[in-house]
Amino acid sequence: MDERGPSSARAASPAAGGSPAAPGSPAAAPTPTQATAAPTPRVRRFLRSRPWLVDVAVSVVFTLIVVATLASEVATGEAQVTPWQVVTIAGTAIALLFRRRAPLTVLVVVTLLTSVVTFSAESNLLLAVPIALYAVAAFRSPVIGWVAAAAAYLVTVVSLFAWLPVLEDRLGAPSAFDIPIVLLTLAMADAVGVLLGTNTWQRAERVRALTERAEQLARERDNEARIATLAERSRIAREMHDIVAHSLSVMITLADGAGASLQRDPERARLALDRLSETGRIALRDMRQLLSVLGDTPDAAPAREPAPGHSDLADLVERFRAAGLPVRFSVHGVPLADAALQLAVYRVVQEALTNTLRYARDPQHVTVAVDYERADTTVTVVDDGRTDAPGASVGAGRGIIGMGERAAVFGGTVEAGPLPTGGWRVRAVLPRAPEDGSPEGSDDA
């Protein structure tokens, strides 16, 4: 309902629009992760929830291999167990327990214990370095892993040559191929550790990216659902405003007329009451039809009828004539077979005549002209009523806003305001899109 007074009012069409129908409840649609993710095995889920068990298992298995290798060499007399070896094995095993939390620190510790402090040539203790490199590449990044591998290998090579005299005394003089084979083996072990860690890091990154993408899609889906729901609510509120404002205005006018002529002209009062009842039934039907779109039950479908359009304009004008408005109605051109456009034209005419009925004082002429032109559909409603009455009814301005929103859907505009000679004019321009298969700008007839 609109404010209508002596001051000029102009309503430019607001930027409005949106989906005509809201999608279903967001909770009903599966998320992307639910639709694509395969069920995780129980063991994998168990280990993922307790990563410390994996670290303990790696440390224990590695220690058992080292102890078994050293024990076999001691049994054959190729090596002897020293307290320092026990400390080195224990320190390496303990350090590997923290490879996930501090991989770089663990790499430094195991490199010092196995290569710098002593060169563990009698056992597989040197394999702790590739295990630490795996943790660096997997839990930091592949780039850091390769840099750390190069540094650790360089330290190992320097330590090998620094400990070479001691190793010769314990193991004998090496052959020409022993040192190159040891260096190549250590390089391959370090490279394998980094490669395995890189594969784990990349897999984790893919999972992380897929998870973020799934969450983003879920957020976008929820936002689109909310936007569509708000757009649908706005559309329903606009329709309800037009129906209620029009019907109530006509019914109040008819009731006032019937009361005024009850004693003087009973027949005319009876006719007004008949019109009042008919208007109420039409309003009730329109409300049921509008609200039926909100129901999903099978019995709601039969209540849905086509929205009013061009063919209903004559009946609309006749109802306002019955309410006392001297309306002259004219149509030029052929309407476009577009239900949405016809509904917009119908609602603009309905709202403009409702405002005239409510706010215009003693209008003598009210004209409604609908021009279906090649490029635009123009709706013009003009009255010559006075609007400067003291205590005139004041509305909230929703009607003009609603007309502007309807026009904005088609890229059009609505102008509403007083005329210099008195009265009020509403003019809506709705651009017309060409019909399928016809060139732009062609006649619709």
Protein backbone atom coordinates (compact mmCIF):
# COMPACT_ATOMS: atom_id res chain seq x y z
CA MET A 1 0.00 0.00 0.00
CA ASP A 2 1.35 3.37 -1.03
CA GLU A 3 1.64 6.86 0.30
CA ARG A 4 -0.12 9.27 -1.98
CA GLY A 5 0.03 13.02 -1.32
CA PRO A 6 0.70 16.38 -2.95
CA SER A 7 4.47 15.88 -3.08
CA SER A 8 5.98 14.26 -6.15
CA ALA A 9 6.90 10.60 -5.96
CA ARG A 10 8.92 8.66 -8.46
CA ALA A 11 9.79 4.99 -8.14
CA ALA A 12 12.70 3.78 -10.19
CA SER A 13 12.68 0.04 -10.50
CA PRO A 14 14.91 -1.56 -7.87
CA ALA A 15 17.32 -4.26 -8.85
CA ALA A 16 15.30 -7.27 -8.08
CA GLY A 17 15.02 -10.76 -9.33
CA GLY A 18 15.67 -14.29 -8.32
CA SER A 19 14.68 -17.80 -8.84
CA PRO A 20 10.94 -18.31 -9.17
CA ALA A 21 10.95 -21.37 -7.03
CA ALA A 22 12.94 -22.33 -3.98
CA PRO A 23 14.68 -25.69 -4.01
CA GLY A 24 14.07 -28.34 -1.42
CA SER A 25 15.47 -28.40 2.01
CA PRO A 26 19.29 -28.33 2.00
CA ALA A 27 19.38 -31.13 4.55
CA ALA A 28 17.71 -33.47 2.05
CA ALA A 29 20.49 -33.32 -0.53
CA PRO A 30 23.68 -35.33 0.10
CA THR A 31 26.92 -33.46 0.43
CA PRO A 32 29.62 -34.09 -2.19
CA THR A 33 31.68 -36.04 0.33
CA GLN A 34 28.71 -38.28 1.10
CA ALA A 35 28.06 -38.91 -2.57
CA THR A 36 31.63 -39.72 -3.65
CA ALA A 37 33.66 -40.90 -0.64
CA ALA A 38 34.15 -44.65 -0.26
CA PRO A 39 33.76 -46.19 3.18
CA THR A 40 37.05 -46.23 5.09
CA PRO A 41 38.16 -49.64 6.40
CA ARG A 42 37.89 -50.06 10.14
CA VAL A 43 41.62 -50.60 10.60
CA ARG A 44 42.44 -47.43 8.69
CA ARG A 45 39.92 -45.43 10.67
CA PHE A 46 41.34 -46.84 13.88
CA LEU A 47 44.92 -45.93 12.94
CA ARG A 48 43.94 -42.46 11.73
CA SER A 49 42.34 -41.72 15.05
CA ARG A 50 45.46 -42.99 16.91
CA PRO A 51 48.54 -41.97 14.87
CA TRP A 52 50.84 -42.53 17.86
CA LEU A 53 50.27 -46.28 17.45
CA VAL A 54 51.81 -46.11 13.97
CA ASP A 55 54.84 -44.23 15.32
CA VAL A 56 55.31 -46.79 18.09
CA ALA A 57 54.99 -49.66 15.61
CA VAL A 58 57.59 -48.12 13.25
CA SER A 59 60.02 -47.58 16.11
CA VAL A 60 59.54 -51.09 17.52
CA VAL A 61 59.83 -52.85 14.15
CA PHE A 62 62.91 -50.85 13.22
CA THR A 63 64.54 -51.60 16.58
CA LEU A 64 63.81 -55.33 16.26
CA ILE A 65 65.41 -55.41 12.79
CA VAL A 66 68.50 -53.59 14.05
CA VAL A 67 68.82 -55.83 17.12
CA ALA A 68 68.30 -59.00 15.06
CA THR A 69 70.96 -57.94 12.53
CA LEU A 70 73.43 -57.01 15.23
CA ALA A 71 72.76 -60.24 17.11
CA SER A 72 73.45 -62.34 14.02
CA GLU A 73 76.76 -60.55 13.47
CA VAL A 74 77.71 -61.00 17.11
CA ALA A 75 76.85 -64.69 16.89
CA THR A 76 79.18 -65.13 13.90
CA GLY A 77 81.94 -63.14 15.56
CA GLU A 78 81.80 -60.29 13.02
CA ALA A 79 80.88 -57.65 15.62
CA GLN A 80 80.83 -56.97 19.31
CA VAL A 81 78.15 -55.24 21.39
CA THR A 82 79.35 -52.14 23.18
CA PRO A 83 77.48 -49.90 25.65
CA TRP A 84 77.69 -47.07 23.15
CA GLN A 85 75.89 -49.17 20.54
CA VAL A 86 73.10 -49.87 23.02
CA VAL A 87 72.79 -46.13 23.75
CA THR A 88 72.77 -45.34 20.01
CA ILE A 89 70.06 -47.93 19.25
CA ALA A 90 67.90 -46.78 22.18
CA GLY A 91 68.33 -43.09 21.30
CA THR A 92 67.41 -43.73 17.66
CA ALA A 93 64.34 -45.76 18.64
CA ILE A 94 63.15 -43.04 21.03
CA ALA A 95 63.78 -40.29 18.46
CA LEU A 96 61.64 -42.11 15.84
CA LEU A 97 58.67 -41.95 18.21
CA PHE A 98 58.53 -38.18 17.61
CA ARG A 99 59.03 -38.22 13.82
CA ARG A 100 55.49 -36.94 13.21
CA ARG A 101 55.66 -34.04 15.66
CA ALA A 102 59.20 -32.81 14.94
CA PRO A 103 60.48 -34.50 11.76
CA LEU A 104 63.41 -32.12 11.17
CA THR A 105 64.63 -32.46 14.76
CA VAL A 106 64.35 -36.25 14.56
CA LEU A 107 66.33 -36.24 11.30
CA VAL A 108 69.14 -34.24 12.91
CA VAL A 109 69.22 -36.54 15.98
CA VAL A 110 69.29 -39.82 14.04
CA THR A 111 71.88 -38.48 11.59
CA LEU A 112 74.15 -37.49 14.46
CA LEU A 113 73.65 -40.82 16.29
CA THR A 114 74.16 -43.09 13.28
CA SER A 115 76.72 -41.18 11.22
CA VAL A 116 78.57 -38.49 13.16
CA VAL A 117 78.92 -39.77 16.73
CA THR A 118 79.54 -43.26 15.39
CA PHE A 119 79.22 -44.78 11.96
CA SER A 120 76.90 -47.78 12.41
CA ALA A 121 78.33 -50.07 9.79
CA GLU A 122 77.67 -53.29 11.68
CA SER A 123 73.87 -53.02 11.65
CA ASN A 124 70.94 -51.51 9.75
CA LEU A 125 70.86 -48.51 12.08
CA LEU A 126 71.65 -46.20 9.15
CA LEU A 127 68.14 -46.92 7.80
CA ALA A 128 66.79 -44.58 10.48
CA VAL A 129 67.85 -41.67 8.24
CA PRO A 130 65.50 -42.64 5.33
CA ILE A 131 62.69 -43.17 7.84
CA ALA A 132 63.23 -39.67 9.23
CA LEU A 133 63.43 -38.26 5.66
CA TYR A 134 60.07 -39.87 4.92
CA ALA A 135 58.57 -37.99 7.87
CA VAL A 136 60.09 -34.69 6.72
CA ALA A 137 58.66 -35.03 3.19
CA ALA A 138 55.28 -36.33 4.39
CA PHE A 139 54.62 -33.91 7.27
CA ARG A 140 56.46 -30.81 6.05
CA SER A 141 56.75 -30.69 2.26
CA PRO A 142 58.56 -32.53 -0.57
CA VAL A 143 60.82 -29.54 -1.18
CA ILE A 144 62.02 -29.51 2.41
CA GLY A 145 62.38 -33.29 2.20
CA TRP A 146 64.73 -33.16 -0.78
CA VAL A 147 66.80 -30.37 0.75
CA ALA A 148 67.05 -32.30 4.02
CA ALA A 149 67.97 -35.49 2.11
CA ALA A 150 70.83 -33.73 0.33
CA ALA A 151 72.13 -32.30 3.63
CA ALA A 152 71.82 -35.64 5.46
CA TYR A 153 73.54 -37.51 2.63
CA LEU A 154 76.38 -35.00 2.58
CA VAL A 155 76.85 -35.46 6.33
CA THR A 156 76.80 -39.25 5.88
CA VAL A 157 79.44 -39.14 3.12
CA VAL A 158 81.76 -36.89 5.15
CA SER A 159 81.27 -39.08 8.24
CA LEU A 160 82.04 -42.23 6.24
CA PHE A 161 85.39 -40.96 5.15
CA ALA A 162 86.10 -39.53 8.61
CA TRP A 163 85.38 -42.91 10.23
CA LEU A 164 87.08 -44.92 7.47
CA PRO A 165 90.31 -45.62 9.43
CA VAL A 166 88.31 -46.94 12.39
CA LEU A 167 86.14 -49.04 10.10
CA GLU A 168 89.23 -50.52 8.43
CA ASP A 169 90.59 -51.60 11.80
CA ARG A 170 87.29 -53.26 12.74
CA LEU A 171 86.16 -54.64 9.37
CA GLY A 172 89.31 -54.79 7.32
CA ALA A 173 90.40 -52.87 4.24
CA PRO A 174 87.52 -52.28 1.80
CA SER A 175 87.70 -53.31 -1.82
CA ALA A 176 87.55 -50.89 -4.71
CA PHE A 177 83.77 -51.31 -4.99
CA ASP A 178 82.78 -51.35 -1.32
CA ILE A 179 82.71 -47.59 -0.71
CA PRO A 180 80.87 -46.72 -4.00
CA ILE A 181 78.30 -49.44 -3.30
CA VAL A 182 77.76 -48.16 0.26
CA LEU A 183 77.35 -44.59 -0.96
CA LEU A 184 74.96 -45.63 -3.76
CA THR A 185 72.93 -47.74 -1.35
CA LEU A 186 72.64 -44.88 1.13
CA ALA A 187 71.65 -42.46 -1.66
CA MET A 188 68.97 -44.82 -2.94
CA ALA A 189 67.62 -45.40 0.58
CA ASP A 190 67.40 -41.66 1.22
CA ALA A 191 65.72 -41.06 -2.16
CA VAL A 192 63.18 -43.84 -1.54
CA GLY A 193 62.35 -42.34 1.86
CA VAL A 194 61.74 -38.89 0.33
CA LEU A 195 59.73 -40.33 -2.58
CA LEU A 196 57.45 -42.29 -0.26
CA GLY A 197 57.00 -39.24 1.95
CA THR A 198 56.24 -37.10 -1.12
CA ASN A 199 53.56 -39.57 -2.20
CA THR A 200 51.97 -39.42 1.24
CA TRP A 201 52.09 -35.62 1.28
CA GLN A 202 50.50 -35.37 -2.18
CA ARG A 203 47.76 -37.79 -1.25
CA ALA A 204 47.03 -35.80 1.90
CA GLU A 205 46.95 -32.59 -0.13
CA ARG A 206 44.49 -34.11 -2.58
CA VAL A 207 42.25 -35.22 0.27
CA ARG A 208 42.53 -31.77 1.84
CA ALA A 209 41.69 -30.06 -1.48
CA LEU A 210 38.72 -32.37 -2.07
CA THR A 211 37.47 -31.74 1.46
CA GLU A 212 37.76 -27.98 1.06
CA ARG A 213 36.04 -28.17 -2.33
CA ALA A 214 33.24 -30.28 -0.89
CA GLU A 215 32.77 -27.82 1.98
CA GLN A 216 32.79 -24.90 -0.46
CA LEU A 217 30.19 -26.60 -2.67
CA ALA A 218 28.06 -27.31 0.38
CA ARG A 219 28.29 -23.66 1.46
CA GLU A 220 27.46 -22.45 -2.05
CA ARG A 221 24.52 -24.86 -2.26
CA ASP A 222 23.20 -23.67 1.11
CA ASN A 223 23.65 -20.01 0.08
CA GLU A 224 21.85 -20.58 -3.21
CA ALA A 225 19.04 -22.34 -1.38
CA ARG A 226 18.73 -19.45 1.07
CA ILE A 227 18.77 -16.88 -1.74
CA ALA A 228 16.14 -18.80 -3.69
CA THR A 229 14.02 -19.16 -0.57
CA LEU A 230 14.22 -15.43 0.15
CA ALA A 231 13.35 -14.64 -3.47
CA GLU A 232 10.35 -16.94 -3.32
CA ARG A 233 9.22 -15.43 -0.03
CA SER A 234 9.52 -11.97 -1.53
CA ARG A 235 7.47 -13.04 -4.55
CA ILE A 236 4.76 -14.57 -2.37
CA ALA A 237 4.69 -11.50 -0.10
CA ARG A 238 4.33 -9.26 -3.17
CA GLU A 239 1.46 -11.38 -4.52
CA MET A 240 -0.28 -11.43 -1.13
CA HIS A 241 0.05 -7.66 -0.85
CA ASP A 242 -1.54 -7.14 -4.26
CA ILE A 243 -4.38 -9.57 -3.56
CA VAL A 244 -5.14 -8.36 -0.04
CA ALA A 245 -4.79 -4.64 -0.77
CA HIS A 246 -6.98 -4.85 -3.86
CA SER A 247 -9.66 -7.07 -2.36
CA LEU A 248 -9.93 -5.22 0.95
CA SER A 249 -10.07 -1.82 -0.75
CA VAL A 250 -12.84 -2.94 -3.08
CA MET A 251 -14.75 -4.67 -0.26
CA ILE A 252 -14.53 -1.62 2.04
CA THR A 253 -15.74 0.66 -0.75
CA LEU A 254 -18.62 -1.69 -1.59
CA ALA A 255 -19.58 -2.00 2.08
CA ASP A 256 -19.58 1.78 2.51
CA GLY A 257 -21.69 2.18 -0.62
CA ALA A 258 -24.15 -0.47 0.52
CA GLY A 259 -24.49 1.17 3.93
CA ALA A 260 -25.04 4.62 2.40
CA SER A 261 -27.76 3.43 0.00
CA LEU A 262 -29.45 0.89 2.26
CA GLN A 263 -32.40 3.16 3.10
CA ARG A 264 -32.49 5.24 -0.08
CA ASP A 265 -31.97 2.50 -2.69
CA PRO A 266 -32.27 -1.05 -1.25
CA GLU A 267 -31.83 -2.64 -4.69
CA ARG A 268 -28.54 -0.85 -5.22
CA ALA A 269 -27.43 -1.81 -1.71
CA ARG A 270 -28.28 -5.45 -2.43
CA LEU A 271 -26.24 -5.29 -5.66
CA ALA A 272 -23.30 -3.82 -3.74
CA LEU A 273 -23.53 -6.59 -1.16
CA ASP A 274 -23.57 -9.19 -3.94
CA ARG A 275 -20.45 -7.60 -5.37
CA LEU A 276 -18.92 -7.56 -1.90
CA SER A 277 -19.53 -11.28 -1.47
CA GLU A 278 -18.21 -12.03 -4.94
CA THR A 279 -15.05 -10.02 -4.29
CA GLY A 280 -14.47 -11.86 -1.01
CA ARG A 281 -14.83 -15.25 -2.70
CA ILE A 282 -12.44 -14.23 -5.47
CA ALA A 283 -9.91 -13.02 -2.88
CA LEU A 284 -10.25 -16.27 -0.95
CA ARG A 285 -9.73 -18.30 -4.12
CA ASP A 286 -6.67 -16.26 -5.08
CA MET A 287 -5.17 -16.69 -1.61
CA ARG A 288 -5.75 -20.44 -1.69
CA GLN A 289 -4.19 -20.63 -5.12
CA LEU A 290 -1.16 -18.62 -3.98
CA LEU A 291 -0.63 -20.57 -0.76
CA SER A 292 -1.07 -23.92 -2.51
CA VAL A 293 2.40 -23.58 -4.03
CA LEU A 294 3.79 -23.91 -0.50
CA GLY A 295 2.22 -27.34 0.00
CA ASP A 296 3.69 -30.59 -1.26
CA THR A 297 0.63 -32.74 -0.60
CA PRO A 298 -1.19 -34.33 -3.56
CA ASP A 299 -4.46 -32.53 -2.73
CA ALA A 300 -2.74 -29.16 -3.17
CA ALA A 301 -2.22 -29.63 -6.91
CA PRO A 302 -5.89 -29.37 -7.96
CA ALA A 303 -6.13 -26.00 -6.19
CA ARG A 304 -3.48 -24.49 -8.45
CA GLU A 305 -4.85 -22.55 -11.38
CA PRO A 306 -3.21 -20.41 -14.05
CA ALA A 307 -2.13 -17.00 -12.80
CA PRO A 308 -4.25 -14.06 -13.98
CA GLY A 309 -3.20 -12.48 -17.24
CA HIS A 310 -4.38 -10.35 -20.13
CA SER A 311 -7.71 -12.12 -20.48
CA ASP A 312 -8.57 -11.24 -16.86
CA LEU A 313 -8.00 -7.49 -17.20
CA ALA A 314 -11.55 -6.78 -18.31
CA ASP A 315 -13.02 -8.54 -15.25
CA LEU A 316 -10.57 -6.68 -13.01
CA VAL A 317 -11.62 -3.32 -14.44
CA GLU A 318 -15.28 -4.26 -14.10
CA ARG A 319 -14.86 -4.97 -10.40
CA PHE A 320 -13.43 -1.49 -9.87
CA ARG A 321 -16.30 0.01 -11.85
CA ALA A 322 -18.69 -1.81 -9.56
CA ALA A 323 -16.85 -0.26 -6.62
CA GLY A 324 -17.53 3.22 -8.04
CA LEU A 325 -14.46 4.08 -10.11
CA PRO A 326 -15.28 5.59 -13.55
CA VAL A 327 -12.66 3.50 -15.38
CA ARG A 328 -12.06 3.66 -19.14
CA PHE A 329 -10.06 0.70 -20.38
CA SER A 330 -8.22 0.38 -23.70
CA VAL A 331 -5.79 -2.11 -25.21
CA HIS A 332 -3.58 -1.58 -28.24
CA GLY A 333 -1.60 -4.33 -29.93
CA VAL A 334 -1.44 -8.05 -29.38
CA PRO A 335 -0.18 -9.39 -26.02
CA LEU A 336 2.90 -11.59 -25.98
CA ALA A 337 2.29 -15.23 -25.04
CA ASP A 338 4.32 -14.84 -21.86
CA ALA A 339 2.46 -15.74 -18.65
CA ALA A 340 5.00 -13.93 -16.44
CA LEU A 341 4.72 -10.71 -18.45
CA GLN A 342 0.93 -10.87 -18.50
CA LEU A 343 0.87 -11.42 -14.73
CA ALA A 344 3.10 -8.37 -14.25
CA VAL A 345 0.78 -6.24 -16.40
CA TYR A 346 -2.24 -7.49 -14.46
CA ARG A 347 -0.67 -6.74 -11.06
CA VAL A 348 0.46 -3.24 -12.12
CA VAL A 349 -3.06 -2.36 -13.27
CA GLN A 350 -4.53 -3.89 -10.10
CA GLU A 351 -2.20 -2.00 -7.77
CA ALA A 352 -2.63 1.32 -9.59
CA LEU A 353 -6.44 1.09 -9.53
CA THR A 354 -6.37 0.01 -5.87
CA ASN A 355 -4.36 3.13 -4.98
CA THR A 356 -6.79 5.27 -6.97
CA LEU A 357 -9.74 3.73 -5.14
CA ARG A 358 -8.12 4.29 -1.76
CA TYR A 359 -6.48 7.69 -2.09
CA ALA A 360 -8.04 9.68 -4.96
CA ARG A 361 -10.80 12.14 -3.93
CA ASP A 362 -13.80 12.22 -6.24
CA PRO A 363 -12.09 11.10 -9.45
CA GLN A 364 -14.19 11.86 -12.53
CA HIS A 365 -12.03 10.09 -15.07
CA VAL A 366 -9.75 7.09 -14.63
CA THR A 367 -8.05 5.70 -17.73
CA VAL A 368 -6.21 2.43 -18.06
CA ALA A 369 -4.21 1.99 -21.28
CA VAL A 370 -2.18 -1.11 -22.11
CA ASP A 371 0.00 -0.80 -25.23
CA TYR A 372 1.60 -3.96 -26.56
CA GLU A 373 4.26 -2.52 -28.82
CA ARG A 374 7.05 -4.25 -30.73
CA ALA A 375 9.77 -3.46 -28.20
CA ASP A 376 7.92 -2.67 -24.97
CA THR A 377 4.69 -3.25 -23.14
CA THR A 378 3.51 0.03 -21.60
CA VAL A 379 0.88 0.27 -18.88
CA THR A 380 -0.50 3.71 -18.05
CA VAL A 381 -3.08 4.42 -15.32
CA VAL A 382 -4.17 8.04 -14.89
CA ASP A 383 -6.83 9.59 -12.66
CA ASP A 384 -7.93 13.18 -12.03
CA GLY A 385 -8.74 12.78 -8.34
CA ARG A 386 -7.49 15.18 -5.68
CA THR A 387 -4.94 13.89 -3.14
CA ASP A 388 -4.56 16.93 -0.86
CA ALA A 389 -7.34 16.04 1.56
CA PRO A 390 -6.50 16.59 5.22
CA GLY A 391 -6.13 13.36 7.09
CA ALA A 392 -5.77 11.36 3.89
CA SER A 393 -4.83 7.74 4.31
CA VAL A 394 -1.15 7.06 4.15
CA GLY A 395 0.30 3.73 3.12
CA ALA A 396 3.70 2.13 3.54
CA GLY A 397 4.82 2.45 -0.08
CA ARG A 398 5.00 -1.32 -0.65
CA GLY A 399 2.74 -1.13 -3.70
CA ILE A 400 5.03 1.11 -5.73
CA ILE A 401 8.02 -0.94 -4.60
CA GLY A 402 6.26 -4.12 -5.67
CA MET A 403 5.43 -2.67 -9.09
CA GLY A 404 9.06 -1.60 -9.49
CA GLU A 405 10.26 -5.10 -8.59
CA ARG A 406 7.91 -6.68 -11.12
CA ALA A 407 9.17 -4.35 -13.82
CA ALA A 408 12.80 -4.92 -12.84
CA VAL A 409 12.43 -8.65 -13.53
CA PHE A 410 11.98 -7.74 -17.21
CA GLY A 411 14.51 -4.89 -17.15
CA GLY A 412 11.77 -2.26 -17.06
CA THR A 413 10.88 0.76 -14.96
CA VAL A 414 7.90 2.19 -13.10
CA GLU A 415 7.10 5.89 -12.64
CA ALA A 416 4.45 7.03 -10.19
CA GLY A 417 3.61 10.57 -9.17
CA PRO A 418 1.17 13.50 -9.30
CA LEU A 419 0.39 15.35 -12.53
CA PRO A 420 0.85 19.13 -12.86
CA THR A 421 -2.84 19.53 -13.71
CA GLY A 422 -3.93 17.39 -10.76
CA GLY A 423 -4.45 13.70 -10.37
CA TRP A 424 -2.02 10.82 -10.37
CA ARG A 425 -0.27 8.78 -13.00
CA VAL A 426 1.40 5.39 -12.94
CA ARG A 427 3.43 4.38 -15.98
CA ALA A 428 5.21 1.03 -16.28
CA VAL A 429 7.44 0.05 -19.19
CA LEU A 430 8.21 -3.66 -19.57
CA PRO A 431 10.64 -4.61 -22.36
CA ARG A 432 9.47 -7.53 -24.45
CA ALA A 433 11.83 -10.34 -25.40
CA PRO A 434 11.29 -11.74 -28.92
CA GLU A 435 9.44 -15.01 -29.19
CA ASP A 436 11.36 -18.16 -30.05
CA GLY A 437 12.05 -18.41 -33.75
CA SER A 438 11.19 -14.77 -34.52
CA PRO A 439 13.80 -12.06 -35.14
CA GLU A 440 14.25 -9.38 -32.53
CA GLY A 441 11.94 -6.45 -33.04
CA SER A 442 9.45 -8.33 -35.21
CA ASP A 443 5.68 -7.93 -34.80
CA ASP A 444 4.06 -10.27 -32.34
CA ALA A 445 0.75 -10.26 -34.20
